[in-house]
Amino acid sequence: MVEEIKSGSKPPARRPTIKDVAREAKVSPMTVSNVLNNRLQFVSSKTKLRVEREIVRLNYRRQSAARNLRGAHQRSVGMIVIDDSPSFLVDFFTAQVVAGLANVLNSADYTMTVQGMRASDLANSMIMRSFEVGGFCAMISGDCHDRKMVVEQLRSLDQPLVLFQQEAPDKYEDVCTVRQDDRAGGRLIGDHFLARGVKNILVLRPGQTWPAIEERIQGLQESIAQSGSKVELNIVKAGNESYSDVKDSFGDYLDSNALPEAIFCGNDQIALAAMLLLSDRGYSVPEDVRIVGFNGFEAHRYLRPQLTTVLSSAYQLGERAGEAMLARLSSGQFPERDIVLPVHFNIGATT
């Protein structure tokens, strides 16, 4: 059947092909293929740059059928961390997730490629133009709008996608979320403080926005609201979580405000820095102020007094993500769409 095109309307735009890129870059289609597949021993740096420029300008993407065919034989998974910090793997939580994921994939003879970048760099990254993996896992920082934008960009690749530490709408196809119950952890902390009659709580959180941190604070706020207690809650952002940043941010707060009765730190690293600053200023924990951390990784065991914290399942999150991705690559679908692991409250000597 021939469909009539109304006068004045335009036919659908044709997707650019490798031949289009080759023509505009004044190279052969094989050269474009070499750039896309990272066979750079056959391509000069100037030619590579010219081809990449045309790929971006033409918004070229491989046909999904070809990607799916490759993915069926591609024994590799990509792990993307959207983080403003170039030293993204220094973060204990991220490192544990990556380790759990890598070990599950390695045991199945899959390789893993890890890339960290800012959200603003994703659109023009080689990830969006060249695919060497059968699926992607992603841990994404940023506010709701920025995270949604990143997810949409990754979904446009027509690859199976596992998202860490955030929920995804049911309408997202071929997407699995793996997260821990951070909000429940926040509620446990709130209940713990309230049971001790605390009326003034300071939250020390990272400057960068992570969905897990937002959930923890939301849980704390829910606990306070449900109790009906009048509790003053203040929030201070602690830069990039280094000791110097926490010292500056927390120190500035103490210079202008009275010592709070209790402090909830977004993670144990911030808790450690806060305890050191309090000690330098002559305060005692928990006599002068109670402190709770979050994550419970090995380093917290060396703090004195021993830190009260919520034990995270970061390594297990990586394992479950790896298992979900392997099942998807084997069967064609994720066995579960939303995997939620519990957290556990560990009472130490700081509260």
Foldseek 3Di string as FASTA:
>chain_A
DDDDDDPPDDPDDDADDLVNLCVQLVHDSVQLVCLQVVVCVVPDPVSSVSSLVSCLVSVHADDVVVLQVLLLVQQEEEEEEADPDPVVCVDPLVVLLVVLQQVLSVVVVGHYHYDYYHLVCVSSDSVLHHDRHQAYEYFYWDDPVSVVVSVVSRVVNVHQYEYEADDDDPPRPNYAYFYAQLLVQLLVVLVVCVVVVFAEEEEEEAPIGGNSLVSSVNSNVVNCVVVVDRHHYYYWHQYHLALVSLCVGVVVCVVPDPDGQEYEYAAVSSVVSVVVNCVVVPHDFPVRHFYEHEAPPPVQCPDVQRHWYKHDPSNVSSNVVNVQVVCCSVPVHGPDRYHYHYIGTDDTRRD
